[in-house]
Amino acid sequence: MAIGSEKQTRRKKSRKDSQLILRVNGEERDAFITLCEELDTSAAREVRRFMRDFIIRHSPAQESE
């Protein structure tokens, strides 16, 4: 497999294909967005990171330990 096509394959596997819509307090949202910008990250990236960590922490394999 060529390097270029390997990169495309990885990109396709990690493509985001769903949305999560939620309601939050406007002041909290604004504070979160501002803090993310100050930390040179995005709100979406941080929410995805939270979700991955949450899934790992609360997966059945972790609960049995």
N, C-alpha and C. Protein backbone atom coordinates (compact mmCIF):
# COMPACT_ATOMS: atom_id res chain seq x y z
N MET A 1 0.86 -1.18 0.00
CA MET A 1 0.00 0.00 0.00
C MET A 1 0.89 1.24 0.00
N ALA A 2 0.60 2.17 -0.83
CA ALA A 2 1.38 3.40 -0.92
C ALA A 2 1.11 4.27 0.31
N ILE A 3 2.06 5.10 0.65
CA ILE A 3 1.93 5.96 1.82
C ILE A 3 0.72 6.88 1.71
N GLY A 4 0.47 7.45 0.56
CA GLY A 4 -0.67 8.34 0.37
C GLY A 4 -1.99 7.64 0.61
N SER A 5 -2.13 6.42 0.10
CA SER A 5 -3.39 5.70 0.28
C SER A 5 -3.55 5.23 1.72
N GLU A 6 -2.45 4.95 2.41
CA GLU A 6 -2.51 4.57 3.82
C GLU A 6 -3.05 5.74 4.65
N LYS A 7 -2.60 6.93 4.34
CA LYS A 7 -3.07 8.12 5.04
C LYS A 7 -4.57 8.33 4.79
N GLN A 8 -5.02 8.10 3.55
CA GLN A 8 -6.44 8.24 3.22
C GLN A 8 -7.27 7.21 3.98
N THR A 9 -6.76 5.99 4.11
CA THR A 9 -7.48 4.94 4.83
C THR A 9 -7.64 5.32 6.28
N ARG A 10 -6.56 5.82 6.91
CA ARG A 10 -6.64 6.26 8.30
C ARG A 10 -7.64 7.39 8.45
N ARG A 11 -7.62 8.32 7.53
CA ARG A 11 -8.52 9.47 7.58
C ARG A 11 -9.97 9.02 7.49
N LYS A 12 -10.26 8.04 6.64
CA LYS A 12 -11.63 7.56 6.48
C LYS A 12 -12.11 6.86 7.74
N LYS A 13 -11.24 6.13 8.43
CA LYS A 13 -11.62 5.43 9.64
C LYS A 13 -11.99 6.40 10.75
N SER A 14 -11.33 7.55 10.82
CA SER A 14 -11.58 8.49 11.91
C SER A 14 -12.57 9.59 11.54
N ARG A 15 -13.15 9.52 10.36
CA ARG A 15 -14.09 10.54 9.91
C ARG A 15 -15.28 10.59 10.87
N LYS A 16 -15.65 11.78 11.22
CA LYS A 16 -16.79 11.97 12.10
C LYS A 16 -18.06 11.91 11.27
N ASP A 17 -19.01 11.07 11.68
CA ASP A 17 -20.20 10.87 10.87
C ASP A 17 -21.50 11.09 11.63
N SER A 18 -21.41 11.62 12.84
CA SER A 18 -22.62 11.87 13.63
C SER A 18 -22.48 13.19 14.36
N GLN A 19 -23.64 13.70 14.77
CA GLN A 19 -23.66 14.93 15.56
C GLN A 19 -24.36 14.66 16.87
N LEU A 20 -23.98 15.40 17.89
CA LEU A 20 -24.63 15.36 19.18
C LEU A 20 -25.07 16.78 19.47
N ILE A 21 -26.36 16.98 19.57
CA ILE A 21 -26.89 18.32 19.82
C ILE A 21 -27.36 18.36 21.27
N LEU A 22 -26.90 19.35 22.01
CA LEU A 22 -27.31 19.48 23.40
C LEU A 22 -27.51 20.94 23.76
N ARG A 23 -28.28 21.15 24.78
CA ARG A 23 -28.53 22.51 25.26
C ARG A 23 -27.71 22.74 26.51
N VAL A 24 -27.06 23.88 26.55
CA VAL A 24 -26.25 24.26 27.72
C VAL A 24 -26.54 25.72 28.06
N ASN A 25 -26.20 26.06 29.27
CA ASN A 25 -26.33 27.44 29.71
C ASN A 25 -25.41 28.32 28.87
N GLY A 26 -25.92 29.43 28.39
CA GLY A 26 -25.17 30.30 27.50
C GLY A 26 -23.88 30.83 28.11
N GLU A 27 -23.94 31.20 29.38
CA GLU A 27 -22.74 31.73 30.04
C GLU A 27 -21.67 30.65 30.17
N GLU A 28 -22.09 29.42 30.51
CA GLU A 28 -21.13 28.32 30.62
C GLU A 28 -20.52 28.00 29.25
N ARG A 29 -21.36 28.00 28.23
CA ARG A 29 -20.88 27.75 26.86
C ARG A 29 -19.84 28.78 26.47
N ASP A 30 -20.14 30.06 26.69
CA ASP A 30 -19.21 31.12 26.33
C ASP A 30 -17.89 30.99 27.08
N ALA A 31 -17.98 30.67 28.38
CA ALA A 31 -16.77 30.50 29.17
C ALA A 31 -15.95 29.32 28.66
N PHE A 32 -16.63 28.23 28.29
CA PHE A 32 -15.95 27.05 27.78
C PHE A 32 -15.25 27.35 26.46
N ILE A 33 -15.97 28.01 25.55
CA ILE A 33 -15.40 28.37 24.25
C ILE A 33 -14.18 29.28 24.44
N THR A 34 -14.31 30.27 25.29
CA THR A 34 -13.20 31.20 25.54
C THR A 34 -11.99 30.45 26.09
N LEU A 35 -12.21 29.58 27.07
CA LEU A 35 -11.10 28.83 27.65
C LEU A 35 -10.46 27.91 26.62
N CYS A 36 -11.26 27.27 25.80
CA CYS A 36 -10.70 26.41 24.75
C CYS A 36 -9.82 27.23 23.80
N GLU A 37 -10.29 28.41 23.42
CA GLU A 37 -9.49 29.26 22.53
C GLU A 37 -8.18 29.66 23.20
N GLU A 38 -8.23 29.99 24.50
CA GLU A 38 -7.02 30.36 25.23
C GLU A 38 -6.03 29.20 25.29
N LEU A 39 -6.55 27.98 25.32
CA LEU A 39 -5.72 26.79 25.40
C LEU A 39 -5.37 26.23 24.01
N ASP A 40 -5.73 26.99 22.97
CA ASP A 40 -5.44 26.62 21.58
C ASP A 40 -6.00 25.25 21.22
N THR A 41 -7.26 25.05 21.57
CA THR A 41 -7.97 23.83 21.22
C THR A 41 -9.39 24.22 20.82
N SER A 42 -10.19 23.28 20.44
CA SER A 42 -11.57 23.59 20.07
C SER A 42 -12.51 22.93 21.07
N ALA A 43 -13.70 23.49 21.19
CA ALA A 43 -14.71 22.92 22.07
C ALA A 43 -15.06 21.50 21.62
N ALA A 44 -15.22 21.31 20.32
CA ALA A 44 -15.55 19.99 19.80
C ALA A 44 -14.48 18.96 20.14
N ARG A 45 -13.23 19.34 20.00
CA ARG A 45 -12.12 18.43 20.32
C ARG A 45 -12.17 18.03 21.79
N GLU A 46 -12.44 19.00 22.66
CA GLU A 46 -12.47 18.71 24.10
C GLU A 46 -13.67 17.87 24.48
N VAL A 47 -14.81 18.08 23.84
CA VAL A 47 -15.98 17.25 24.11
C VAL A 47 -15.72 15.82 23.64
N ARG A 48 -15.11 15.66 22.46
CA ARG A 48 -14.76 14.32 21.98
C ARG A 48 -13.78 13.64 22.93
N ARG A 49 -12.80 14.39 23.42
CA ARG A 49 -11.82 13.83 24.37
C ARG A 49 -12.54 13.37 25.64
N PHE A 50 -13.46 14.20 26.14
CA PHE A 50 -14.23 13.83 27.33
C PHE A 50 -15.00 12.53 27.07
N MET A 51 -15.64 12.44 25.92
CA MET A 51 -16.44 11.26 25.61
C MET A 51 -15.57 10.00 25.56
N ARG A 52 -14.41 10.08 24.90
CA ARG A 52 -13.50 8.92 24.83
C ARG A 52 -13.05 8.51 26.22
N ASP A 53 -12.64 9.47 27.05
CA ASP A 53 -12.19 9.17 28.41
C ASP A 53 -13.31 8.57 29.25
N PHE A 54 -14.51 9.11 29.12
CA PHE A 54 -15.68 8.63 29.86
C PHE A 54 -15.98 7.18 29.49
N ILE A 55 -15.94 6.88 28.20
CA ILE A 55 -16.20 5.52 27.73
C ILE A 55 -15.17 4.56 28.29
N ILE A 56 -13.91 4.95 28.27
CA ILE A 56 -12.84 4.09 28.79
C ILE A 56 -13.04 3.86 30.29
N ARG A 57 -13.30 4.93 31.04
CA ARG A 57 -13.44 4.82 32.49
C ARG A 57 -14.64 3.98 32.90
N HIS A 58 -15.70 4.01 32.11
CA HIS A 58 -16.94 3.35 32.50
C HIS A 58 -17.26 2.11 31.68
N SER A 59 -16.28 1.62 30.94
CA SER A 59 -16.52 0.39 30.17
C SER A 59 -16.60 -0.78 31.12
N PRO A 60 -17.29 -1.86 30.74
CA PRO A 60 -17.43 -3.02 31.62
C PRO A 60 -16.09 -3.58 32.10
N ALA A 61 -15.07 -3.54 31.26
CA ALA A 61 -13.76 -4.06 31.66
C ALA A 61 -13.19 -3.26 32.83
N GLN A 62 -13.40 -1.95 32.84
CA GLN A 62 -12.91 -1.10 33.92
C GLN A 62 -13.72 -1.29 35.21
N GLU A 63 -15.02 -1.53 35.09
CA GLU A 63 -15.89 -1.66 36.25
C GLU A 63 -15.58 -2.90 37.05
N SER A 64 -15.07 -3.95 36.41
CA SER A 64 -14.78 -5.20 37.13
C SER A 64 -13.49 -5.15 37.92
N GLU A 65 -12.66 -4.16 37.70
CA GLU A 65 -11.37 -4.05 38.40
C GLU A 65 -11.53 -3.48 39.78
